[in-house]
Amino acid sequence: MAKSLPVIIEEKIADKIHLVRGLKVMIDKDIAELYGIETKRLKEQRHRNLNRFPRHDKSELTKEEYESLRSQNATLKQGAHTKYLPYAFTEHGVLMLANVLKSSRAIEMSIKVIDVFVRLREMLLTHKDILLKLEALEKQVVQTSDEIRTIFSLGWSWSSIIKNYPVRRHGRCFSPTIS
């Protein structure tokens, strides 16, 4: 069964979202491709509208971060990359870019991008809930394991004590040491 076009677009968008400095971001080149413009034009609009982009909504990647993304995705051939380091935009930065570009495609794609960011956040929250439950179960298992170890360690010491003390059965005293 073939996937529908919206699902393919959402998967394509999700593949372009990266985790950089603990934030989910998209790279300027990928955003420009989705919005149907040149990366140069996207950067021009960002530069002309700096007041719309707080520092936390966009940041220039370091050379190490860029190389790491390149090696993870294997999207660029050696020597085929730009001479400037790309910018990474958070969810809000992506939306601001669509607003300053004012093209219908940018607006349409930004809605899809935001939907994907929201789904990723929901999935993270769901996974966080599952991880918290697993952590609680792990604590219970560790505690139970410790209790079992304690019982066995006590069991061995109690068995040595019992060997040396008489046992009462049916009102009579039997000593295991007496033959």
Foldseek 3Di string as FASTA:
>chain_A
DDDDPLVVLLVLLLVQWDQDPNATWGWLCSLCVQLVHHSVVLVVLCVVPVVQAPPVFKDFDDPVVQVVVCVVVVPDDVPRDDPGTIMIGHLSRLCVSLVSVVDPSSNVSNVSSNVSVVVVVVVVVVVVVVVVVVVVVVVVVVVVVVVVVVCVVVVVVVVVVQLQAWDDDPNDTHHNVPD
